Amino acid sequence: MTENKINITGEPTLDPGVCRFIVDRPLFPDGTVTCRNAETAKGSPLLEALFAIDGVAEVMVSGNTLTIAKSTLDPWPVLGRQIGTAIREQISAGKTLIDPDIRKKTPSEEQIRERVQKLFDDQINPQIASHGGFVELHDVEGTRVYLRLGGGCQGCASANITLKNGIEQAIRQEIPEVTDILDVTDHASGVNPYYQ
């Protein structure tokens, strides 16, 4: 009995926390899908198997390519072996790898926009207002959120810490489907915000 060998090639990316895995057969021929949590992965055997691996934080599937972000210090060769095993097992099972309706689990741009704006209005802006700052929603494209800091936050040396440790964490906790949070603030034009 000969086994149909499944070839998988791992390719590092410029980001040490992300690796690309190219499989010799299609995994999701219906375009691209991004999954950021085990809840969204439910009903898609391949994604469920990948999120069962400790350290897998995000999976993007496009055709025969998986782009995986990790949340562990384990090196990619260690994690990659587990990922390769999960991919091979799911392909060998012969079932549909990814639920064709998975995109219905991802909120629309308008739903994301409403949820982010509510978060800014109800929680974030009241907190940073005491420092003379504010954050505004600039745009939403797919699952990417573009924001702008203003007032005392523009040009402030602590703006990056506020963004990374406060605003980003709040958005990701409240709306886990968001994949990227990008700051479009022109911080160079905000000079010494506390000193008039």
N, C-alpha and C. Protein backbone atom coordinates (compact mmCIF):
# COMPACT_ATOMS: atom_id res chain seq x y z
N MET A 1 0.85 -1.18 0.00
CA MET A 1 0.00 0.00 0.00
C MET A 1 0.89 1.24 0.00
N THR A 2 0.78 2.07 -1.02
CA THR A 2 1.60 3.28 -1.09
C THR A 2 0.79 4.47 -0.59
N GLU A 3 1.46 5.28 0.19
CA GLU A 3 0.80 6.45 0.76
C GLU A 3 1.03 7.65 -0.16
N ASN A 4 -0.01 8.44 -0.37
CA ASN A 4 0.11 9.64 -1.19
C ASN A 4 0.82 10.69 -0.35
N LYS A 5 2.10 10.92 -0.63
CA LYS A 5 2.93 11.82 0.19
C LYS A 5 2.44 13.26 0.05
N ILE A 6 2.35 13.94 1.18
CA ILE A 6 1.92 15.33 1.22
C ILE A 6 3.16 16.18 1.49
N ASN A 7 3.56 16.98 0.51
CA ASN A 7 4.74 17.83 0.67
C ASN A 7 4.36 19.20 1.19
N ILE A 8 5.09 19.63 2.22
CA ILE A 8 4.88 20.94 2.83
C ILE A 8 6.24 21.62 2.94
N THR A 9 6.30 22.86 2.47
CA THR A 9 7.53 23.64 2.55
C THR A 9 7.31 24.82 3.49
N GLY A 10 8.19 24.96 4.45
CA GLY A 10 8.13 26.09 5.37
C GLY A 10 9.03 27.21 4.87
N GLU A 11 8.52 28.43 4.87
CA GLU A 11 9.29 29.59 4.42
C GLU A 11 9.24 30.67 5.50
N PRO A 12 10.39 31.04 6.06
CA PRO A 12 10.39 32.14 7.04
C PRO A 12 10.01 33.45 6.36
N THR A 13 9.49 34.38 7.13
CA THR A 13 9.15 35.71 6.62
C THR A 13 10.06 36.72 7.32
N LEU A 14 9.95 37.98 6.96
CA LEU A 14 10.76 39.02 7.61
C LEU A 14 10.40 39.16 9.08
N ASP A 15 9.16 38.81 9.43
CA ASP A 15 8.71 38.85 10.82
C ASP A 15 9.04 37.51 11.47
N PRO A 16 9.90 37.48 12.49
CA PRO A 16 10.27 36.20 13.12
C PRO A 16 9.11 35.47 13.78
N GLY A 17 8.00 36.17 14.00
CA GLY A 17 6.83 35.56 14.61
C GLY A 17 5.86 34.97 13.60
N VAL A 18 6.22 35.02 12.30
CA VAL A 18 5.33 34.55 11.24
C VAL A 18 6.10 33.64 10.29
N CYS A 19 5.47 32.54 9.91
CA CYS A 19 6.07 31.61 8.95
C CYS A 19 5.00 31.18 7.94
N ARG A 20 5.44 30.96 6.71
CA ARG A 20 4.53 30.56 5.64
C ARG A 20 4.75 29.07 5.37
N PHE A 21 3.66 28.35 5.19
CA PHE A 21 3.71 26.91 4.88
C PHE A 21 3.00 26.68 3.55
N ILE A 22 3.72 26.16 2.58
CA ILE A 22 3.15 25.93 1.25
C ILE A 22 2.94 24.43 1.08
N VAL A 23 1.71 24.06 0.78
CA VAL A 23 1.32 22.65 0.66
C VAL A 23 1.14 22.34 -0.82
N ASP A 24 1.43 21.10 -1.21
CA ASP A 24 1.40 20.72 -2.64
C ASP A 24 -0.02 20.47 -3.17
N ARG A 25 -1.03 20.95 -2.47
CA ARG A 25 -2.42 20.81 -2.92
C ARG A 25 -3.26 21.92 -2.31
N PRO A 26 -4.39 22.25 -2.93
CA PRO A 26 -5.20 23.36 -2.40
C PRO A 26 -5.81 23.04 -1.04
N LEU A 27 -5.83 24.05 -0.19
CA LEU A 27 -6.42 23.92 1.14
C LEU A 27 -7.74 24.68 1.22
N PHE A 28 -7.78 25.84 0.57
CA PHE A 28 -8.98 26.68 0.55
C PHE A 28 -9.01 27.40 -0.79
N PRO A 29 -9.63 26.78 -1.79
CA PRO A 29 -9.61 27.36 -3.14
C PRO A 29 -10.53 28.58 -3.31
N ASP A 30 -11.31 28.91 -2.29
CA ASP A 30 -12.30 30.00 -2.40
C ASP A 30 -11.75 31.35 -1.96
N GLY A 31 -10.50 31.64 -2.24
CA GLY A 31 -9.93 32.94 -1.88
C GLY A 31 -9.08 32.85 -0.63
N THR A 32 -9.17 33.87 0.20
CA THR A 32 -8.34 33.98 1.40
C THR A 32 -9.23 34.11 2.62
N VAL A 33 -8.82 33.45 3.70
CA VAL A 33 -9.53 33.58 4.96
C VAL A 33 -8.51 33.72 6.08
N THR A 34 -8.80 34.60 7.04
CA THR A 34 -7.93 34.79 8.20
C THR A 34 -8.71 34.41 9.44
N CYS A 35 -8.05 33.65 10.30
CA CYS A 35 -8.68 33.17 11.54
C CYS A 35 -7.76 33.53 12.70
N ARG A 36 -8.32 34.24 13.70
CA ARG A 36 -7.50 34.69 14.81
C ARG A 36 -7.80 33.99 16.14
N ASN A 37 -8.74 33.06 16.14
CA ASN A 37 -9.04 32.40 17.41
C ASN A 37 -9.73 31.07 17.19
N ALA A 38 -9.70 30.26 18.24
CA ALA A 38 -10.28 28.92 18.17
C ALA A 38 -11.79 28.96 17.98
N GLU A 39 -12.43 30.02 18.45
CA GLU A 39 -13.88 30.14 18.30
C GLU A 39 -14.27 30.24 16.83
N THR A 40 -13.58 31.09 16.08
CA THR A 40 -13.84 31.24 14.65
C THR A 40 -13.46 29.98 13.89
N ALA A 41 -12.48 29.24 14.39
CA ALA A 41 -12.00 28.02 13.73
C ALA A 41 -13.01 26.88 13.80
N LYS A 42 -13.96 26.93 14.73
CA LYS A 42 -14.92 25.84 14.90
C LYS A 42 -15.65 25.53 13.60
N GLY A 43 -15.72 24.26 13.26
CA GLY A 43 -16.40 23.83 12.03
C GLY A 43 -15.45 23.70 10.85
N SER A 44 -14.19 24.11 11.03
CA SER A 44 -13.16 23.98 9.99
C SER A 44 -12.05 23.09 10.55
N PRO A 45 -12.08 21.77 10.22
CA PRO A 45 -11.15 20.82 10.84
C PRO A 45 -9.68 21.23 10.79
N LEU A 46 -9.22 21.78 9.67
CA LEU A 46 -7.81 22.18 9.59
C LEU A 46 -7.50 23.31 10.58
N LEU A 47 -8.35 24.30 10.62
CA LEU A 47 -8.12 25.41 11.55
C LEU A 47 -8.23 24.96 13.00
N GLU A 48 -9.19 24.10 13.29
CA GLU A 48 -9.33 23.56 14.65
C GLU A 48 -8.05 22.85 15.07
N ALA A 49 -7.50 22.03 14.17
CA ALA A 49 -6.27 21.28 14.48
C ALA A 49 -5.09 22.22 14.70
N LEU A 50 -5.02 23.28 13.91
CA LEU A 50 -3.91 24.22 14.06
C LEU A 50 -4.03 25.02 15.36
N PHE A 51 -5.24 25.45 15.71
CA PHE A 51 -5.42 26.20 16.96
C PHE A 51 -5.29 25.30 18.20
N ALA A 52 -5.33 23.99 18.01
CA ALA A 52 -5.10 23.07 19.13
C ALA A 52 -3.62 23.00 19.48
N ILE A 53 -2.76 23.51 18.60
CA ILE A 53 -1.31 23.52 18.84
C ILE A 53 -0.97 24.74 19.70
N ASP A 54 -0.32 24.50 20.82
CA ASP A 54 0.04 25.58 21.73
C ASP A 54 1.00 26.54 21.02
N GLY A 55 0.61 27.79 20.97
CA GLY A 55 1.48 28.80 20.35
C GLY A 55 0.98 29.33 19.02
N VAL A 56 0.00 28.66 18.40
CA VAL A 56 -0.56 29.19 17.15
C VAL A 56 -1.53 30.31 17.51
N ALA A 57 -1.25 31.53 16.99
CA ALA A 57 -2.03 32.71 17.35
C ALA A 57 -2.96 33.16 16.24
N GLU A 58 -2.55 32.95 14.98
CA GLU A 58 -3.35 33.43 13.86
C GLU A 58 -2.99 32.60 12.64
N VAL A 59 -4.00 32.31 11.80
CA VAL A 59 -3.79 31.53 10.58
C VAL A 59 -4.48 32.23 9.42
N MET A 60 -3.73 32.44 8.35
CA MET A 60 -4.32 32.95 7.12
C MET A 60 -4.13 31.88 6.06
N VAL A 61 -5.22 31.50 5.40
CA VAL A 61 -5.17 30.46 4.37
C VAL A 61 -5.56 31.09 3.04
N SER A 62 -4.72 30.86 2.04
CA SER A 62 -5.00 31.35 0.70
C SER A 62 -4.54 30.28 -0.28
N GLY A 63 -5.50 29.63 -0.94
CA GLY A 63 -5.15 28.56 -1.89
C GLY A 63 -4.44 27.42 -1.20
N ASN A 64 -3.15 27.24 -1.53
CA ASN A 64 -2.37 26.15 -0.93
C ASN A 64 -1.36 26.68 0.10
N THR A 65 -1.52 27.93 0.54
CA THR A 65 -0.56 28.54 1.46
C THR A 65 -1.21 28.90 2.79
N LEU A 66 -0.51 28.53 3.86
CA LEU A 66 -0.90 28.91 5.22
C LEU A 66 0.14 29.89 5.74
N THR A 67 -0.29 31.04 6.23
CA THR A 67 0.62 31.97 6.88
C THR A 67 0.21 31.97 8.35
N ILE A 68 1.15 31.56 9.20
CA ILE A 68 0.83 31.34 10.61
C ILE A 68 1.67 32.25 11.49
N ALA A 69 0.99 32.92 12.45
CA ALA A 69 1.66 33.75 13.45
C ALA A 69 1.68 32.96 14.76
N LYS A 70 2.80 33.07 15.46
CA LYS A 70 2.92 32.33 16.73
C LYS A 70 2.96 33.29 17.91
N SER A 71 2.59 32.76 19.08
CA SER A 71 2.61 33.53 20.31
C SER A 71 3.51 32.86 21.35
N THR A 72 4.50 32.11 20.86
CA THR A 72 5.39 31.36 21.73
C THR A 72 6.82 31.64 21.34
N LEU A 73 7.75 31.36 22.25
CA LEU A 73 9.17 31.51 21.93
C LEU A 73 9.74 30.24 21.28
N ASP A 74 8.93 29.19 21.22
CA ASP A 74 9.39 27.96 20.56
C ASP A 74 9.86 28.29 19.15
N PRO A 75 11.01 27.73 18.74
CA PRO A 75 11.50 28.01 17.39
C PRO A 75 10.59 27.38 16.33
N TRP A 76 10.59 27.96 15.12
CA TRP A 76 9.73 27.46 14.06
C TRP A 76 9.97 25.99 13.71
N PRO A 77 11.21 25.49 13.72
CA PRO A 77 11.37 24.05 13.41
C PRO A 77 10.58 23.14 14.36
N VAL A 78 10.50 23.54 15.65
CA VAL A 78 9.74 22.74 16.62
C VAL A 78 8.24 22.87 16.34
N LEU A 79 7.77 24.10 16.22
CA LEU A 79 6.35 24.35 15.97
C LEU A 79 5.96 23.82 14.59
N GLY A 80 6.85 23.98 13.62
CA GLY A 80 6.59 23.55 12.25
C GLY A 80 6.30 22.06 12.12
N ARG A 81 6.99 21.25 12.92
CA ARG A 81 6.74 19.80 12.88
C ARG A 81 5.31 19.49 13.31
N GLN A 82 4.86 20.17 14.36
CA GLN A 82 3.48 19.97 14.84
C GLN A 82 2.48 20.46 13.80
N ILE A 83 2.78 21.60 13.20
CA ILE A 83 1.89 22.16 12.17
C ILE A 83 1.83 21.21 10.98
N GLY A 84 2.98 20.71 10.53
CA GLY A 84 3.03 19.77 9.40
C GLY A 84 2.23 18.51 9.68
N THR A 85 2.35 17.99 10.90
CA THR A 85 1.59 16.79 11.28
C THR A 85 0.09 17.07 11.23
N ALA A 86 -0.33 18.23 11.78
CA ALA A 86 -1.76 18.58 11.78
C ALA A 86 -2.28 18.72 10.35
N ILE A 87 -1.53 19.36 9.48
CA ILE A 87 -1.95 19.54 8.09
C ILE A 87 -2.10 18.18 7.41
N ARG A 88 -1.10 17.33 7.55
CA ARG A 88 -1.14 16.00 6.91
C ARG A 88 -2.31 15.16 7.43
N GLU A 89 -2.53 15.18 8.74
CA GLU A 89 -3.63 14.40 9.31
C GLU A 89 -4.98 14.86 8.77
N GLN A 90 -5.17 16.17 8.68
CA GLN A 90 -6.47 16.69 8.22
C GLN A 90 -6.68 16.41 6.73
N ILE A 91 -5.63 16.54 5.93
CA ILE A 91 -5.75 16.22 4.49
C ILE A 91 -6.05 14.75 4.32
N SER A 92 -5.34 13.90 5.07
CA SER A 92 -5.52 12.45 4.96
C SER A 92 -6.91 12.00 5.39
N ALA A 93 -7.55 12.76 6.28
CA ALA A 93 -8.90 12.41 6.74
C ALA A 93 -9.92 12.52 5.61
N GLY A 94 -9.60 13.30 4.58
CA GLY A 94 -10.46 13.37 3.40
C GLY A 94 -11.71 14.22 3.54
N LYS A 95 -11.81 14.98 4.62
CA LYS A 95 -12.98 15.84 4.82
C LYS A 95 -12.71 17.23 4.26
N THR A 96 -13.74 18.05 4.20
CA THR A 96 -13.56 19.46 3.84
C THR A 96 -12.69 20.09 4.92
N LEU A 97 -11.61 20.74 4.51
CA LEU A 97 -10.64 21.27 5.47
C LEU A 97 -11.13 22.54 6.16
N ILE A 98 -11.79 23.40 5.39
CA ILE A 98 -12.25 24.69 5.93
C ILE A 98 -13.69 24.91 5.53
N ASP A 99 -14.50 25.25 6.51
CA ASP A 99 -15.93 25.51 6.28
C ASP A 99 -16.09 26.59 5.20
N PRO A 100 -16.78 26.28 4.11
CA PRO A 100 -16.96 27.27 3.05
C PRO A 100 -17.69 28.54 3.53
N ASP A 101 -18.42 28.44 4.63
CA ASP A 101 -19.16 29.59 5.16
C ASP A 101 -18.41 30.32 6.27
N ILE A 102 -17.10 30.05 6.41
CA ILE A 102 -16.34 30.64 7.52
C ILE A 102 -16.36 32.16 7.49
N ARG A 103 -16.43 32.74 6.30
CA ARG A 103 -16.41 34.21 6.22
C ARG A 103 -17.64 34.83 6.88
N LYS A 104 -18.71 34.06 7.00
CA LYS A 104 -19.92 34.58 7.66
C LYS A 104 -19.69 34.81 9.15
N LYS A 105 -18.65 34.14 9.68
CA LYS A 105 -18.32 34.31 11.10
C LYS A 105 -17.55 35.61 11.34
N THR A 106 -17.02 36.20 10.28
CA THR A 106 -16.26 37.44 10.41
C THR A 106 -17.20 38.61 10.21
N PRO A 107 -17.18 39.57 11.13
CA PRO A 107 -18.08 40.71 11.00
C PRO A 107 -17.75 41.55 9.76
N SER A 108 -18.74 42.26 9.26
CA SER A 108 -18.54 43.14 8.11
C SER A 108 -17.73 44.36 8.54
N GLU A 109 -17.23 45.11 7.55
CA GLU A 109 -16.50 46.35 7.85
C GLU A 109 -17.37 47.29 8.67
N GLU A 110 -18.65 47.38 8.30
CA GLU A 110 -19.55 48.28 9.01
C GLU A 110 -19.74 47.85 10.47
N GLN A 111 -19.86 46.53 10.71
CA GLN A 111 -20.00 46.03 12.08
C GLN A 111 -18.73 46.31 12.89
N ILE A 112 -17.56 46.10 12.27
CA ILE A 112 -16.30 46.39 12.96
C ILE A 112 -16.22 47.88 13.27
N ARG A 113 -16.57 48.71 12.29
CA ARG A 113 -16.53 50.17 12.47
C ARG A 113 -17.40 50.58 13.66
N GLU A 114 -18.62 50.05 13.73
CA GLU A 114 -19.54 50.40 14.82
C GLU A 114 -18.99 49.96 16.18
N ARG A 115 -18.43 48.74 16.23
CA ARG A 115 -17.91 48.21 17.50
C ARG A 115 -16.68 48.98 17.96
N VAL A 116 -15.78 49.33 17.03
CA VAL A 116 -14.58 50.10 17.40
C VAL A 116 -14.99 51.50 17.86
N GLN A 117 -15.90 52.14 17.14
CA GLN A 117 -16.34 53.49 17.53
C GLN A 117 -16.97 53.49 18.91
N LYS A 118 -17.79 52.48 19.19
CA LYS A 118 -18.41 52.37 20.52
C LYS A 118 -17.35 52.19 21.60
N LEU A 119 -16.33 51.36 21.32
CA LEU A 119 -15.23 51.15 22.27
C LEU A 119 -14.49 52.47 22.52
N PHE A 120 -14.21 53.22 21.45
CA PHE A 120 -13.54 54.52 21.60
C PHE A 120 -14.39 55.47 22.44
N ASP A 121 -15.69 55.57 22.12
CA ASP A 121 -16.59 56.51 22.79
C ASP A 121 -16.81 56.15 24.26
N ASP A 122 -17.02 54.86 24.53
CA ASP A 122 -17.40 54.43 25.88
C ASP A 122 -16.23 54.20 26.83
N GLN A 123 -15.08 53.74 26.30
CA GLN A 123 -14.00 53.34 27.19
C GLN A 123 -12.70 54.10 26.97
N ILE A 124 -12.20 54.11 25.75
CA ILE A 124 -10.84 54.60 25.51
C ILE A 124 -10.75 56.12 25.62
N ASN A 125 -11.59 56.85 24.89
CA ASN A 125 -11.49 58.31 24.93
C ASN A 125 -11.72 58.91 26.32
N PRO A 126 -12.67 58.40 27.11
CA PRO A 126 -12.79 58.95 28.47
C PRO A 126 -11.51 58.75 29.30
N GLN A 127 -10.78 57.66 29.05
CA GLN A 127 -9.55 57.40 29.81
C GLN A 127 -8.42 58.33 29.39
N ILE A 128 -8.24 58.52 28.07
CA ILE A 128 -7.09 59.34 27.64
C ILE A 128 -7.43 60.84 27.61
N ALA A 129 -8.68 61.18 27.82
CA ALA A 129 -9.07 62.59 27.85
C ALA A 129 -8.40 63.32 29.02
N SER A 130 -8.15 62.61 30.11
CA SER A 130 -7.51 63.23 31.27
C SER A 130 -6.09 63.70 30.96
N HIS A 131 -5.51 63.18 29.88
CA HIS A 131 -4.18 63.60 29.44
C HIS A 131 -4.28 64.56 28.27
N GLY A 132 -5.49 64.98 27.95
CA GLY A 132 -5.69 65.92 26.86
C GLY A 132 -5.67 65.28 25.49
N GLY A 133 -5.80 63.95 25.44
CA GLY A 133 -5.72 63.26 24.16
C GLY A 133 -7.03 62.62 23.75
N PHE A 134 -7.04 62.14 22.52
CA PHE A 134 -8.19 61.39 22.02
C PHE A 134 -7.72 60.49 20.88
N VAL A 135 -8.54 59.49 20.58
CA VAL A 135 -8.29 58.61 19.45
C VAL A 135 -9.53 58.62 18.58
N GLU A 136 -9.33 58.64 17.27
CA GLU A 136 -10.47 58.60 16.36
C GLU A 136 -10.27 57.50 15.34
N LEU A 137 -11.38 56.94 14.92
CA LEU A 137 -11.36 55.90 13.90
C LEU A 137 -11.21 56.56 12.55
N HIS A 138 -10.13 56.24 11.85
CA HIS A 138 -9.87 56.82 10.53
C HIS A 138 -10.57 56.02 9.44
N ASP A 139 -10.43 54.66 9.50
CA ASP A 139 -11.03 53.81 8.46
C ASP A 139 -11.00 52.36 8.89
N VAL A 140 -11.80 51.55 8.21
CA VAL A 140 -11.77 50.10 8.36
C VAL A 140 -11.74 49.52 6.96
N GLU A 141 -10.77 48.64 6.70
CA GLU A 141 -10.67 47.93 5.42
C GLU A 141 -10.60 46.45 5.73
N GLY A 142 -11.63 45.73 5.40
CA GLY A 142 -11.67 44.30 5.73
C GLY A 142 -11.67 44.15 7.24
N THR A 143 -10.62 43.52 7.77
CA THR A 143 -10.48 43.37 9.22
C THR A 143 -9.32 44.23 9.75
N ARG A 144 -8.89 45.21 8.96
CA ARG A 144 -7.85 46.16 9.38
C ARG A 144 -8.50 47.45 9.87
N VAL A 145 -8.00 47.94 11.00
CA VAL A 145 -8.51 49.18 11.59
C VAL A 145 -7.40 50.23 11.52
N TYR A 146 -7.76 51.41 10.98
CA TYR A 146 -6.84 52.54 10.91
C TYR A 146 -7.33 53.59 11.90
N LEU A 147 -6.43 54.04 12.77
CA LEU A 147 -6.83 55.03 13.76
C LEU A 147 -5.85 56.19 13.79
N ARG A 148 -6.31 57.29 14.38
CA ARG A 148 -5.48 58.49 14.48
C ARG A 148 -5.56 58.99 15.91
N LEU A 149 -4.40 59.31 16.49
CA LEU A 149 -4.34 59.89 17.82
C LEU A 149 -4.29 61.40 17.69
N GLY A 150 -4.93 62.12 18.60
CA GLY A 150 -4.94 63.57 18.53
C GLY A 150 -4.85 64.19 19.90
N GLY A 151 -4.85 65.52 19.90
CA GLY A 151 -4.72 66.26 21.16
C GLY A 151 -3.36 65.99 21.78
N GLY A 152 -3.35 65.75 23.06
CA GLY A 152 -2.10 65.51 23.78
C GLY A 152 -1.38 64.25 23.37
N CYS A 153 -2.06 63.32 22.67
CA CYS A 153 -1.43 62.07 22.24
C CYS A 153 -0.56 62.26 21.00
N GLN A 154 -0.88 63.29 20.20
CA GLN A 154 -0.13 63.50 18.97
C GLN A 154 1.23 64.09 19.30
N GLY A 155 2.29 63.34 18.98
CA GLY A 155 3.64 63.80 19.25
C GLY A 155 4.12 63.48 20.66
N CYS A 156 3.29 62.90 21.47
CA CYS A 156 3.68 62.55 22.84
C CYS A 156 4.62 61.35 22.81
N ALA A 157 5.65 61.39 23.66
CA ALA A 157 6.63 60.31 23.70
C ALA A 157 5.98 58.99 24.14
N SER A 158 4.89 59.04 24.87
CA SER A 158 4.22 57.83 25.35
C SER A 158 3.13 57.34 24.42
N ALA A 159 2.94 57.99 23.26
CA ALA A 159 1.85 57.63 22.36
C ALA A 159 1.94 56.18 21.91
N ASN A 160 3.15 55.70 21.62
CA ASN A 160 3.30 54.32 21.15
C ASN A 160 2.94 53.32 22.25
N ILE A 161 3.29 53.64 23.49
CA ILE A 161 2.94 52.76 24.61
C ILE A 161 1.42 52.75 24.81
N THR A 162 0.82 53.94 24.73
CA THR A 162 -0.64 54.03 24.85
C THR A 162 -1.31 53.20 23.77
N LEU A 163 -0.78 53.29 22.55
CA LEU A 163 -1.35 52.55 21.42
C LEU A 163 -1.19 51.05 21.62
N LYS A 164 0.04 50.59 21.86
CA LYS A 164 0.32 49.15 21.94
C LYS A 164 -0.27 48.50 23.18
N ASN A 165 -0.08 49.13 24.35
CA ASN A 165 -0.48 48.49 25.61
C ASN A 165 -1.90 48.82 26.04
N GLY A 166 -2.49 49.83 25.46
CA GLY A 166 -3.84 50.19 25.85
C GLY A 166 -4.85 50.01 24.75
N ILE A 167 -4.75 50.82 23.72
CA ILE A 167 -5.76 50.84 22.67
C ILE A 167 -5.79 49.52 21.90
N GLU A 168 -4.62 49.05 21.44
CA GLU A 168 -4.59 47.79 20.68
C GLU A 168 -5.15 46.63 21.49
N GLN A 169 -4.72 46.52 22.74
CA GLN A 169 -5.20 45.41 23.57
C GLN A 169 -6.71 45.47 23.76
N ALA A 170 -7.22 46.67 23.96
CA ALA A 170 -8.67 46.82 24.16
C ALA A 170 -9.43 46.41 22.89
N ILE A 171 -8.94 46.84 21.72
CA ILE A 171 -9.60 46.48 20.47
C ILE A 171 -9.57 44.97 20.27
N ARG A 172 -8.40 44.36 20.47
CA ARG A 172 -8.26 42.91 20.24
C ARG A 172 -9.11 42.11 21.22
N GLN A 173 -9.25 42.59 22.44
CA GLN A 173 -10.07 41.89 23.42
C GLN A 173 -11.55 42.00 23.07
N GLU A 174 -11.97 43.19 22.66
CA GLU A 174 -13.37 43.45 22.37
C GLU A 174 -13.80 42.92 21.01
N ILE A 175 -12.89 42.99 20.02
CA ILE A 175 -13.21 42.59 18.64
C ILE A 175 -12.07 41.70 18.13
N PRO A 176 -12.04 40.43 18.54
CA PRO A 176 -10.91 39.55 18.20
C PRO A 176 -10.74 39.28 16.70
N GLU A 177 -11.76 39.60 15.92
CA GLU A 177 -11.67 39.37 14.47
C GLU A 177 -10.76 40.38 13.78
N VAL A 178 -10.45 41.50 14.43
CA VAL A 178 -9.57 42.52 13.84
C VAL A 178 -8.17 41.93 13.69
N THR A 179 -7.61 42.03 12.49
CA THR A 179 -6.29 41.45 12.22
C THR A 179 -5.16 42.44 12.38
N ASP A 180 -5.35 43.70 11.95
CA ASP A 180 -4.29 44.70 12.03
C ASP A 180 -4.86 46.00 12.57
N ILE A 181 -4.05 46.68 13.39
CA ILE A 181 -4.42 47.99 13.92
C ILE A 181 -3.28 48.93 13.53
N LEU A 182 -3.60 49.89 12.67
CA LEU A 182 -2.57 50.75 12.11
C LEU A 182 -2.80 52.20 12.51
N ASP A 183 -1.73 52.85 12.96
CA ASP A 183 -1.76 54.25 13.39
C ASP A 183 -1.40 55.14 12.21
N VAL A 184 -2.30 56.03 11.79
CA VAL A 184 -2.04 56.93 10.67
C VAL A 184 -1.76 58.36 11.15
N THR A 185 -1.45 58.52 12.44
CA THR A 185 -1.18 59.83 13.02
C THR A 185 0.13 60.39 12.48
N ASP A 186 0.14 61.67 12.19
CA ASP A 186 1.38 62.37 11.85
C ASP A 186 1.97 62.88 13.16
N HIS A 187 2.73 62.01 13.85
CA HIS A 187 3.28 62.36 15.16
C HIS A 187 4.33 63.46 15.06
N ALA A 188 4.96 63.61 13.92
CA ALA A 188 6.00 64.64 13.76
C ALA A 188 5.43 66.05 13.88
N SER A 189 4.15 66.23 13.57
CA SER A 189 3.58 67.57 13.64
C SER A 189 3.06 67.92 15.03
N GLY A 190 3.06 66.96 15.94
CA GLY A 190 2.65 67.23 17.32
C GLY A 190 3.88 67.50 18.15
N VAL A 191 4.17 68.77 18.45
CA VAL A 191 5.39 69.14 19.13
C VAL A 191 5.08 69.48 20.60
N ASN A 192 5.75 68.77 21.51
CA ASN A 192 5.60 69.02 22.95
C ASN A 192 4.14 69.27 23.33
N PRO A 193 3.29 68.29 23.23
CA PRO A 193 1.87 68.50 23.43
C PRO A 193 1.51 69.05 24.81
N TYR A 194 2.35 68.83 25.81
CA TYR A 194 2.01 69.30 27.16
C TYR A 194 2.49 70.72 27.42
N TYR A 195 3.32 71.24 26.53
CA TYR A 195 3.90 72.55 26.76
C TYR A 195 3.39 73.53 25.72
N GLN A 196 2.66 74.52 26.13
CA GLN A 196 2.12 75.53 25.20
C GLN A 196 3.00 76.77 25.24
